[in-house]
Protein backbone atom coordinates (compact mmCIF):
# COMPACT_ATOMS: atom_id res chain seq x y z
CA MET A 1 -171.90 -35.20 -30.52
CA ASN A 2 -169.89 -33.10 -32.61
CA TYR A 3 -166.77 -32.59 -30.60
CA PHE A 4 -166.28 -28.96 -32.61
CA ASN A 5 -169.41 -27.61 -32.30
CA SER A 6 -169.87 -28.82 -28.27
CA LEU A 7 -166.79 -25.80 -27.52
CA PRO A 8 -167.40 -22.24 -27.06
CA PHE A 9 -167.00 -20.19 -30.01
CA ARG A 10 -163.61 -18.82 -28.62
CA GLU A 11 -162.20 -22.22 -28.30
CA GLN A 12 -163.69 -22.69 -31.84
CA ILE A 13 -161.23 -20.11 -32.56
CA GLN A 14 -158.30 -20.82 -30.92
CA GLN A 15 -158.47 -24.81 -32.11
CA LEU A 16 -158.79 -23.25 -35.63
CA GLY A 17 -156.35 -21.57 -35.67
CA LYS A 18 -153.77 -23.54 -33.95
CA CYS A 19 -150.35 -23.82 -35.96
CA ARG A 20 -147.05 -23.81 -34.78
CA PHE A 21 -144.00 -24.74 -37.06
CA MET A 22 -142.03 -26.89 -35.18
CA ALA A 23 -138.02 -25.78 -35.04
CA LYS A 24 -135.24 -29.09 -35.87
CA SER A 25 -134.05 -28.39 -32.31
CA GLU A 26 -137.38 -29.57 -30.38
CA PHE A 27 -136.94 -33.33 -31.65
CA ALA A 28 -132.89 -33.81 -30.12
CA ASP A 29 -134.34 -36.45 -28.28
CA GLY A 30 -135.98 -38.50 -31.53
CA VAL A 31 -137.68 -41.56 -30.58
CA SER A 32 -136.02 -42.04 -27.09
CA ILE A 33 -139.62 -41.64 -25.17
CA LEU A 34 -140.92 -44.77 -27.04
CA LYS A 35 -137.79 -46.66 -26.98
CA GLY A 36 -138.81 -50.17 -24.98
CA LYS A 37 -142.55 -49.43 -25.76
CA LYS A 38 -144.54 -51.54 -26.80
CA ILE A 39 -146.19 -50.08 -30.21
CA VAL A 40 -149.46 -52.01 -31.77
CA ILE A 41 -151.18 -50.84 -35.20
CA ILE A 42 -154.82 -51.71 -35.55
CA GLY A 43 -155.19 -51.93 -39.67
CA CYS A 44 -152.58 -52.99 -41.92
CA GLY A 45 -153.83 -50.98 -44.89
CA ALA A 46 -151.32 -48.01 -47.20
CA GLN A 47 -150.88 -46.16 -43.66
CA GLY A 48 -150.46 -48.15 -41.46
CA LEU A 49 -147.73 -50.57 -43.20
CA ASN A 50 -145.99 -47.64 -44.07
CA GLN A 51 -146.18 -45.75 -40.80
CA GLY A 52 -145.06 -49.35 -39.08
CA LEU A 53 -142.24 -50.25 -41.39
CA ASN A 54 -140.73 -46.81 -40.74
CA LEU A 55 -141.50 -46.93 -37.10
CA ARG A 56 -139.55 -50.18 -36.96
CA ASP A 57 -136.84 -49.00 -38.97
CA SER A 58 -136.07 -46.36 -36.47
CA GLY A 59 -135.64 -48.83 -33.97
CA LEU A 60 -139.72 -49.30 -32.25
CA ASP A 61 -140.79 -52.43 -31.03
CA VAL A 62 -143.83 -52.50 -33.37
CA SER A 63 -146.60 -55.31 -34.31
CA TYR A 64 -150.41 -55.22 -35.40
CA THR A 65 -153.55 -56.23 -34.37
CA LEU A 66 -156.75 -57.11 -36.63
CA ARG A 67 -159.70 -58.48 -36.20
CA LYS A 68 -160.33 -62.60 -35.57
CA GLU A 69 -161.98 -62.99 -38.90
CA ALA A 70 -159.25 -60.98 -40.77
CA ILE A 71 -156.26 -63.44 -39.08
CA GLU A 72 -158.05 -66.53 -39.84
CA GLN A 73 -159.50 -65.42 -43.33
CA LYS A 74 -155.73 -64.41 -44.36
CA ARG A 75 -157.43 -61.08 -45.87
CA PRO A 76 -155.03 -58.69 -47.71
CA SER A 77 -154.16 -57.43 -44.30
CA TYR A 78 -153.10 -60.01 -42.38
CA LYS A 79 -150.99 -60.81 -45.24
CA SER A 80 -149.32 -57.38 -45.76
CA ALA A 81 -148.30 -57.28 -42.20
CA THR A 82 -147.07 -60.89 -42.00
CA GLU A 83 -145.05 -60.54 -45.48
CA ASN A 84 -143.13 -57.81 -44.09
CA GLY A 85 -142.07 -59.87 -40.77
CA PHE A 86 -144.39 -58.45 -38.56
CA LYS A 87 -146.41 -60.31 -35.34
CA VAL A 88 -149.87 -59.99 -35.93
CA GLY A 89 -152.91 -60.97 -33.18
CA THR A 90 -156.42 -60.45 -32.10
CA TYR A 91 -157.35 -57.61 -30.39
CA GLU A 92 -157.27 -59.57 -27.16
CA GLU A 93 -153.96 -61.03 -27.42
CA MET A 94 -152.20 -57.83 -28.25
CA ILE A 95 -153.95 -54.50 -27.01
CA PRO A 96 -153.77 -55.73 -23.11
CA THR A 97 -149.71 -55.29 -23.51
CA ALA A 98 -149.44 -52.33 -25.54
CA ASP A 99 -148.18 -48.94 -24.18
CA VAL A 100 -149.22 -47.33 -28.02
CA VAL A 101 -152.02 -48.15 -29.65
CA GLY A 102 -152.37 -46.94 -33.08
CA ASN A 103 -156.02 -46.57 -35.06
CA LEU A 104 -154.87 -46.63 -38.44
CA THR A 105 -158.34 -48.12 -39.86
CA PRO A 106 -160.41 -46.50 -41.91
CA ASP A 107 -162.40 -43.36 -40.90
CA LYS A 108 -165.85 -45.20 -40.75
CA GLN A 109 -164.50 -48.16 -38.78
CA HIS A 110 -163.12 -46.02 -35.89
CA SER A 111 -166.25 -46.25 -33.84
CA SER A 112 -166.58 -49.49 -33.49
CA VAL A 113 -163.03 -50.09 -33.17
CA ILE A 114 -162.18 -48.16 -30.17
CA ALA A 115 -165.81 -49.56 -28.66
CA ALA A 116 -164.20 -52.86 -29.25
CA VAL A 117 -160.21 -52.03 -28.02
CA MET A 118 -160.34 -49.40 -25.06
CA PRO A 119 -161.68 -51.56 -22.82
CA LEU A 120 -159.13 -53.80 -22.80
CA MET A 121 -156.51 -51.17 -23.19
CA LYS A 122 -153.84 -50.93 -20.21
CA LYS A 123 -154.69 -47.50 -17.68
CA GLY A 124 -152.00 -44.87 -18.71
CA SER A 125 -151.38 -46.16 -22.31
CA THR A 126 -151.45 -44.02 -25.58
CA LEU A 127 -154.09 -43.80 -28.34
CA TRP A 128 -152.52 -42.30 -31.76
CA TYR A 129 -154.91 -41.26 -34.74
CA SER A 130 -153.67 -40.48 -38.33
CA HIS A 131 -156.73 -38.16 -38.78
CA GLY A 132 -159.06 -36.53 -35.95
CA PHE A 133 -162.52 -37.13 -37.79
CA ASN A 134 -163.24 -39.55 -34.66
CA ILE A 135 -162.99 -37.25 -32.17
CA VAL A 136 -163.64 -34.38 -34.06
CA GLU A 137 -166.87 -35.30 -35.84
CA GLU A 138 -168.07 -38.13 -34.06
CA GLY A 139 -167.29 -36.59 -30.58
CA GLN A 140 -165.68 -39.97 -29.90
CA LYS A 141 -165.17 -39.77 -25.94
CA ILE A 142 -161.97 -41.82 -24.49
CA ARG A 143 -161.20 -43.34 -21.03
CA PRO A 144 -159.51 -40.17 -18.85
CA ASP A 145 -156.19 -42.08 -17.59
CA ILE A 146 -155.74 -42.86 -21.60
CA THR A 147 -153.39 -39.88 -23.57
CA VAL A 148 -154.88 -39.25 -27.06
CA VAL A 149 -152.52 -37.81 -29.36
CA MET A 150 -152.18 -37.37 -33.58
CA MET A 151 -149.40 -38.00 -35.63
CA ALA A 152 -150.80 -37.03 -39.21
CA PRO A 153 -148.59 -37.38 -42.61
CA LYS A 154 -149.52 -35.10 -45.16
CA GLY A 155 -148.97 -37.50 -48.22
CA PRO A 156 -150.14 -40.79 -49.45
CA GLY A 157 -148.49 -44.00 -47.06
CA THR A 158 -146.29 -45.10 -50.22
CA GLU A 159 -145.10 -41.37 -50.32
CA LEU A 160 -143.95 -41.45 -46.36
CA ARG A 161 -142.43 -45.20 -47.25
CA THR A 162 -141.07 -44.19 -50.42
CA GLU A 163 -139.48 -40.44 -48.63
CA TYR A 164 -137.83 -42.12 -45.42
CA VAL A 165 -136.21 -45.01 -47.12
CA ARG A 166 -134.15 -42.28 -49.32
CA GLY A 167 -133.66 -40.53 -46.27
CA PHE A 168 -136.11 -38.15 -45.85
CA GLY A 169 -139.59 -37.53 -44.60
CA VAL A 170 -143.32 -36.24 -45.79
CA PRO A 171 -144.55 -32.87 -43.63
CA THR A 172 -146.10 -34.33 -40.69
CA LEU A 173 -149.21 -32.12 -38.32
CA ILE A 174 -149.22 -33.34 -34.77
CA ALA A 175 -151.38 -32.53 -32.22
CA VAL A 176 -152.89 -33.36 -28.53
CA HIS A 177 -156.02 -34.05 -27.30
CA PRO A 178 -156.75 -31.17 -25.03
CA GLU A 179 -159.39 -34.06 -23.40
CA ASN A 180 -156.68 -36.45 -23.04
CA ASP A 181 -153.10 -35.45 -21.87
CA PRO A 182 -153.20 -36.91 -18.25
CA GLU A 183 -149.97 -36.71 -17.80
CA GLY A 184 -148.87 -33.98 -19.88
CA LYS A 185 -146.59 -36.56 -22.25
CA GLY A 186 -149.27 -36.28 -25.36
CA LEU A 187 -146.59 -33.94 -27.40
CA ALA A 188 -143.16 -35.55 -26.47
CA ILE A 189 -145.01 -38.54 -27.57
CA ALA A 190 -146.11 -37.15 -30.59
CA LYS A 191 -142.71 -35.47 -31.34
CA ALA A 192 -141.44 -39.35 -31.11
CA LEU A 193 -144.13 -40.51 -33.40
CA ALA A 194 -143.26 -38.28 -36.17
CA CYS A 195 -139.33 -38.75 -35.50
CA GLY A 196 -140.09 -42.32 -36.51
CA THR A 197 -141.53 -42.13 -39.65
CA GLY A 198 -138.71 -39.17 -40.59
CA ALA A 199 -141.38 -36.09 -40.28
CA ASP A 200 -138.39 -34.39 -38.56
CA ARG A 201 -136.75 -33.87 -41.45
CA ALA A 202 -139.49 -32.79 -43.75
CA GLY A 203 -140.86 -30.56 -41.31
CA VAL A 204 -144.00 -31.08 -38.23
CA LEU A 205 -146.55 -28.17 -37.50
CA GLU A 206 -147.87 -28.63 -34.20
CA SER A 207 -151.52 -28.35 -34.53
CA SER A 208 -155.05 -29.25 -32.97
CA PHE A 209 -157.48 -32.33 -33.72
CA VAL A 210 -159.69 -29.48 -34.97
CA ALA A 211 -157.42 -27.40 -37.46
CA GLU A 212 -156.12 -30.87 -38.62
CA VAL A 213 -159.78 -32.15 -39.33
CA LYS A 214 -161.38 -29.31 -40.80
CA SER A 215 -158.31 -28.03 -42.93
CA ASP A 216 -157.82 -31.39 -44.67
CA LEU A 217 -161.40 -32.42 -45.17
CA MET A 218 -161.73 -28.60 -47.27
CA GLY A 219 -158.34 -29.35 -48.87
CA GLU A 220 -159.23 -33.04 -50.03
CA GLN A 221 -162.92 -32.17 -51.19
CA THR A 222 -161.47 -29.02 -53.51
CA ILE A 223 -158.38 -28.50 -55.11
CA LEU A 224 -156.97 -32.13 -53.78
CA CYS A 225 -159.02 -34.44 -55.57
CA GLY A 226 -162.55 -32.67 -56.21
CA MET A 227 -161.10 -30.12 -58.67
CA LEU A 228 -158.16 -32.89 -59.97
CA GLN A 229 -161.38 -35.31 -60.75
CA THR A 230 -163.58 -32.48 -62.52
CA GLY A 231 -160.88 -30.78 -64.58
CA SER A 232 -160.04 -34.83 -65.63
CA LEU A 233 -163.30 -35.39 -66.67
CA LEU A 234 -164.24 -31.92 -68.37
CA ALA A 235 -161.03 -31.29 -70.14
CA PHE A 236 -160.84 -34.77 -71.60
CA ASP A 237 -164.21 -34.70 -72.82
CA LYS A 238 -163.77 -31.48 -74.39
CA MET A 239 -160.80 -32.48 -76.27
CA VAL A 240 -162.68 -35.28 -78.19
CA GLU A 241 -166.15 -33.64 -78.86
CA LYS A 242 -163.05 -31.25 -80.49
CA GLY A 243 -162.08 -34.06 -82.56
CA ILE A 244 -158.36 -34.61 -80.70
CA ASP A 245 -157.05 -38.05 -80.67
CA LYS A 246 -158.73 -39.55 -77.44
CA GLY A 247 -155.49 -41.55 -76.43
CA TYR A 248 -154.15 -38.02 -76.73
CA ALA A 249 -155.80 -36.79 -74.91
CA ALA A 250 -156.09 -39.54 -72.17
CA LYS A 251 -152.47 -39.31 -72.06
CA LEU A 252 -152.26 -35.43 -71.88
CA VAL A 253 -154.75 -35.26 -68.54
CA GLN A 254 -153.40 -38.10 -66.67
CA TYR A 255 -149.93 -37.30 -66.81
CA GLY A 256 -150.81 -33.88 -67.50
CA TRP A 257 -151.36 -33.02 -63.59
CA GLU A 258 -148.34 -34.45 -62.36
CA THR A 259 -146.11 -32.69 -64.78
CA ILE A 260 -147.12 -29.38 -64.24
CA SER A 261 -147.90 -29.60 -60.18
CA GLU A 262 -144.28 -30.73 -60.04
CA ALA A 263 -143.24 -27.49 -61.17
CA MET A 264 -145.63 -25.77 -58.48
CA LYS A 265 -143.84 -28.39 -56.02
CA PHE A 266 -140.25 -26.94 -56.45
CA GLY A 267 -141.60 -22.78 -57.36
CA GLY A 268 -145.31 -22.64 -55.96
CA ILE A 269 -147.66 -21.29 -58.49
CA THR A 270 -145.43 -18.61 -59.81
CA GLY A 271 -142.73 -21.70 -61.00
CA MET A 272 -145.90 -22.87 -62.31
CA MET A 273 -146.03 -20.05 -64.33
CA ASP A 274 -143.22 -19.02 -65.40
CA ARG A 275 -143.12 -22.83 -68.07
CA LEU A 276 -145.32 -20.92 -69.83
CA SER A 277 -144.78 -18.40 -72.87
CA ASN A 278 -145.67 -14.83 -72.14
CA PRO A 279 -148.92 -14.71 -74.32
CA ALA A 280 -149.95 -18.19 -72.07
CA LYS A 281 -149.47 -16.89 -69.32
CA LEU A 282 -151.90 -14.12 -69.74
CA ARG A 283 -154.65 -17.10 -71.15
CA VAL A 284 -154.35 -18.62 -68.10
CA HIS A 285 -154.31 -15.62 -65.60
CA ALA A 286 -157.90 -14.87 -67.31
CA LEU A 287 -159.24 -17.94 -66.99
CA ALA A 288 -158.25 -18.74 -63.56
CA LYS A 289 -159.74 -15.23 -63.03
CA VAL A 290 -162.60 -16.71 -64.36
CA LEU A 291 -162.96 -19.92 -62.52
CA LYS A 292 -162.55 -18.76 -58.79
CA GLU A 293 -165.26 -16.42 -59.84
CA ILE A 294 -167.59 -19.04 -60.64
CA LEU A 295 -166.27 -21.78 -57.73
CA THR A 296 -165.79 -19.18 -55.46
CA PRO A 297 -169.62 -20.11 -54.11
CA LEU A 298 -168.91 -23.58 -54.46
CA TYR A 299 -165.79 -23.42 -52.19
CA LYS A 300 -167.69 -21.53 -49.35
CA ARG A 301 -170.27 -24.18 -49.38
CA HIS A 302 -167.54 -27.11 -48.76
CA MET A 303 -166.27 -25.26 -45.82
CA ASP A 304 -169.51 -23.71 -44.20
CA ASP A 305 -170.86 -27.86 -44.01
CA ILE A 306 -167.07 -29.02 -43.02
CA LEU A 307 -166.83 -26.17 -40.12
CA SER A 308 -171.04 -26.68 -39.07
CA GLY A 309 -170.97 -30.46 -39.46
CA GLU A 310 -173.13 -30.98 -42.05
CA PHE A 311 -170.37 -32.24 -44.29
CA SER A 312 -169.99 -35.09 -41.59
CA ARG A 313 -173.52 -35.66 -40.53
CA VAL A 314 -174.52 -36.62 -45.11
CA LEU A 315 -171.52 -38.64 -44.60
CA MET A 316 -172.45 -40.34 -41.76
CA GLU A 317 -176.19 -41.15 -43.17
CA ASP A 318 -173.94 -42.79 -46.00
CA TRP A 319 -172.12 -44.77 -43.76
CA LYS A 320 -175.08 -46.42 -42.14
CA ALA A 321 -176.49 -46.96 -45.67
CA GLY A 322 -174.05 -48.75 -46.42
CA ASP A 323 -172.18 -46.20 -48.58
CA LYS A 324 -174.97 -46.69 -50.92
CA GLN A 325 -174.26 -42.90 -52.67
CA LEU A 326 -170.14 -43.52 -51.98
CA LEU A 327 -170.57 -46.81 -54.46
CA ALA A 328 -172.68 -45.50 -56.84
CA TRP A 329 -170.73 -42.45 -57.34
CA ARG A 330 -168.06 -44.61 -57.98
CA GLU A 331 -169.43 -46.81 -60.32
CA ALA A 332 -170.51 -43.47 -62.32
CA THR A 333 -167.05 -42.45 -62.54
CA GLY A 334 -165.24 -45.76 -63.23
CA LYS A 335 -167.86 -45.55 -66.52
CA THR A 336 -166.78 -41.93 -67.43
CA ALA A 337 -165.20 -41.83 -71.21
CA PHE A 338 -162.14 -40.85 -69.62
CA GLU A 339 -161.97 -43.56 -67.05
CA GLN A 340 -162.78 -46.03 -69.92
CA THR A 341 -160.38 -44.48 -72.79
CA PRO A 342 -156.18 -46.09 -72.45
CA ALA A 343 -153.84 -43.76 -72.47
CA GLY A 344 -152.08 -43.32 -76.25
CA SER A 345 -148.14 -44.54 -76.47
CA MET A 346 -147.22 -41.20 -78.48
CA GLU A 347 -144.34 -39.32 -76.72
CA ILE A 348 -145.62 -36.20 -74.93
CA SER A 349 -142.64 -33.99 -73.55
CA GLU A 350 -142.51 -32.36 -70.52
CA GLN A 351 -142.86 -29.06 -71.82
CA GLU A 352 -145.79 -30.25 -74.06
CA TYR A 353 -147.65 -31.04 -71.27
CA PHE A 354 -147.88 -27.45 -70.12
CA ASP A 355 -147.92 -25.67 -73.32
CA LYS A 356 -151.14 -28.01 -74.83
CA GLY A 357 -152.37 -28.21 -71.26
CA LEU A 358 -153.37 -24.28 -69.93
CA LEU A 359 -156.57 -25.45 -69.12
CA LEU A 360 -155.16 -27.61 -66.88
CA VAL A 361 -152.72 -25.26 -65.16
CA ALA A 362 -155.52 -22.75 -65.62
CA PHE A 363 -157.59 -25.32 -62.68
CA LEU A 364 -154.21 -25.95 -60.83
CA LYS A 365 -153.78 -21.71 -60.55
CA ALA A 366 -157.46 -21.42 -59.39
CA GLY A 367 -158.21 -24.11 -57.09
CA VAL A 368 -154.88 -24.07 -54.83
CA GLU A 369 -155.64 -20.38 -54.82
CA LEU A 370 -159.22 -20.78 -53.69
CA ALA A 371 -158.74 -23.52 -51.10
CA PHE A 372 -155.92 -21.22 -49.53
CA GLU A 373 -157.81 -18.62 -49.58
CA ILE A 374 -161.09 -19.98 -48.26
CA MET A 375 -159.20 -21.73 -45.38
CA THR A 376 -157.61 -18.48 -43.81
CA GLU A 377 -160.71 -16.80 -44.21
CA ALA A 378 -162.14 -19.32 -41.92
CA GLY A 379 -159.66 -18.82 -38.89
CA MET A 380 -156.78 -21.61 -40.33
CA LYS A 381 -153.14 -20.62 -40.28
CA PRO A 382 -151.42 -19.86 -43.53
CA GLU A 383 -149.19 -22.47 -42.83
CA SER A 384 -151.70 -25.34 -42.32
CA ALA A 385 -153.88 -24.05 -45.35
CA TYR A 386 -150.57 -24.40 -47.56
CA TYR A 387 -150.30 -28.22 -46.44
CA GLU A 388 -153.24 -28.58 -47.65
CA SER A 389 -153.76 -27.26 -50.86
CA LEU A 390 -150.81 -26.67 -52.45
CA HIS A 391 -148.38 -29.16 -50.76
CA GLU A 392 -150.35 -32.42 -51.30
CA VAL A 393 -151.05 -31.57 -54.85
CA PRO A 394 -148.31 -33.20 -56.71
CA LEU A 395 -148.83 -36.39 -54.12
CA ILE A 396 -152.76 -36.85 -55.43
CA ALA A 397 -151.46 -35.86 -58.89
CA ASN A 398 -149.02 -38.92 -58.70
CA LEU A 399 -152.13 -41.27 -57.98
CA ILE A 400 -153.90 -40.22 -60.76
CA ALA A 401 -150.53 -40.78 -63.23
CA ARG A 402 -150.64 -44.52 -61.72
CA LYS A 403 -154.11 -45.50 -62.87
CA LYS A 404 -156.17 -42.24 -63.45
CA LEU A 405 -159.37 -41.59 -61.04
CA TYR A 406 -158.87 -45.17 -60.12
CA GLU A 407 -156.40 -45.15 -58.40
CA MET A 408 -157.44 -41.75 -56.66
CA ASN A 409 -160.13 -42.54 -55.24
CA LYS A 410 -158.98 -46.21 -53.79
CA VAL A 411 -155.42 -44.64 -52.39
CA ILE A 412 -157.91 -41.86 -50.68
CA SER A 413 -159.59 -42.24 -47.52
CA ASP A 414 -163.43 -42.99 -47.79
CA THR A 415 -164.09 -39.83 -46.19
CA ALA A 416 -162.10 -37.85 -48.51
CA GLU A 417 -163.57 -40.20 -51.72
CA TYR A 418 -167.11 -38.92 -50.82
CA GLY A 419 -166.01 -35.43 -50.56
CA ASN A 420 -164.52 -35.94 -53.66
CA TYR A 421 -167.82 -37.17 -55.32
CA LEU A 422 -169.89 -34.22 -53.77
CA PHE A 423 -168.03 -31.45 -55.14
CA ASP A 424 -167.13 -33.00 -58.48
CA ASN A 425 -171.40 -33.55 -58.94
CA ARG A 426 -171.64 -30.11 -58.10
CA ALA A 427 -168.84 -28.36 -59.60
CA ARG A 428 -169.10 -29.71 -63.33
CA PRO A 429 -172.85 -28.17 -63.93
CA LEU A 430 -171.59 -25.10 -62.15
CA LEU A 431 -168.72 -25.02 -65.05
CA ALA A 432 -171.11 -25.82 -68.27
CA ASP A 433 -171.35 -22.07 -69.91
CA PHE A 434 -167.43 -22.09 -68.70
CA MET A 435 -166.39 -25.42 -70.83
CA ARG A 436 -168.51 -24.35 -73.58
CA LYS A 437 -166.32 -21.31 -74.29
CA ILE A 438 -162.82 -23.62 -74.32
CA ASP A 439 -161.33 -24.44 -77.55
CA THR A 440 -157.95 -26.66 -78.26
CA ASP A 441 -156.04 -23.23 -77.92
CA LEU A 442 -156.29 -24.05 -74.39
CA ILE A 443 -156.47 -27.85 -74.44
CA GLY A 444 -155.33 -30.47 -76.95
CA LYS A 445 -153.70 -28.30 -79.57
CA GLY A 446 -151.95 -25.10 -77.92
CA LEU A 447 -151.87 -21.15 -78.69
CA SER A 448 -151.24 -20.52 -82.82
CA TYR A 449 -148.19 -18.36 -83.83
CA LYS A 450 -150.84 -16.08 -84.60
CA ASP A 451 -151.97 -16.37 -80.62
CA THR A 452 -148.00 -15.72 -79.25
CA GLY A 453 -148.06 -12.18 -80.96
CA VAL A 454 -147.68 -9.21 -78.81
């Protein structure tokens, strides 16, 4: 049963709104509570590997456990762990002696993984998640003697490692499951895990499993993935329709998101807009206003479906069907003209991405503002909504810059990928009339001399 739906209304509101920015002084103990403890991570994907590397470099005892067949067949997860010098063993070999078990497998595997490892976990141990879908949406029940915490970095695993190596970190949410804190030590353990990944240097929010899951789903479905996919496909197709060179169009979109969103990363929406001329600002403001009017009902629909559990119900039905819908959408995305067209070799200056990508700027402005507004309207705190909207956009845009939408959908979670396609398939038809009025002054060529007069 969906955990959130089982809560009384007042507690739903309380957990949705739980969000506190933690002071640096609260992390004075560092990782001390985990010193001498055995940490075993289940799964060695992007998050699993990079969190483990950071924790080990912070002086902690980290090893990995994988399914027996993954070890015997030397699958990529096994190779990633062993090639980085980690000890790897089966569930039966590693779990019984673990003090802290990290479930960093894909969301759709969580139920089966927990069913396999919970009987093996020793009394009084800790189970740690980096995303609370299994607890909140699937209603997973954990043995009452086990402490359940969350330590959720707000960025891809590769970014987590890069920031740690350069002496910083990635902003992170931590939480303790109120049903599973038998010894009252959950918060201390979650704080130590955050310290071990470098999060205390970047900023940590004390949140709840509910707030993390609901805000995370909303952010990734709308602005972080859905809006970027929709904007990419529409902008590229429009440029080609208007006679812009395909290679140039592909490059402007593929690298434009990252370049433009970097300005937003350092200066917010105002900083991004300040890269434009005054006439361009006026055009983008007008475009963003129209986009928000068109997309507000869709954003609200996604928020409502996330809060009610309808999104999770549909997603889990597709899991049971072997990801039939997800795989069909993934294949369709791979066949789009944007994905099939290599970026050209021509040089595009940093400013050119802004001047000739006004439509991209408008998509970002409208998307971030809408996500933030709808989440806070639903009861989430501004800090939480910020991290799930504006903060993460440059991180996801970086994935598109690497290998377009393929890389984005490969790296994000299966849950995020499904929500992304759901949004994109709904958004593009809604924007058909809007796009018919778009010309190359807004995407591909920029404003002419006449357009910039005052």
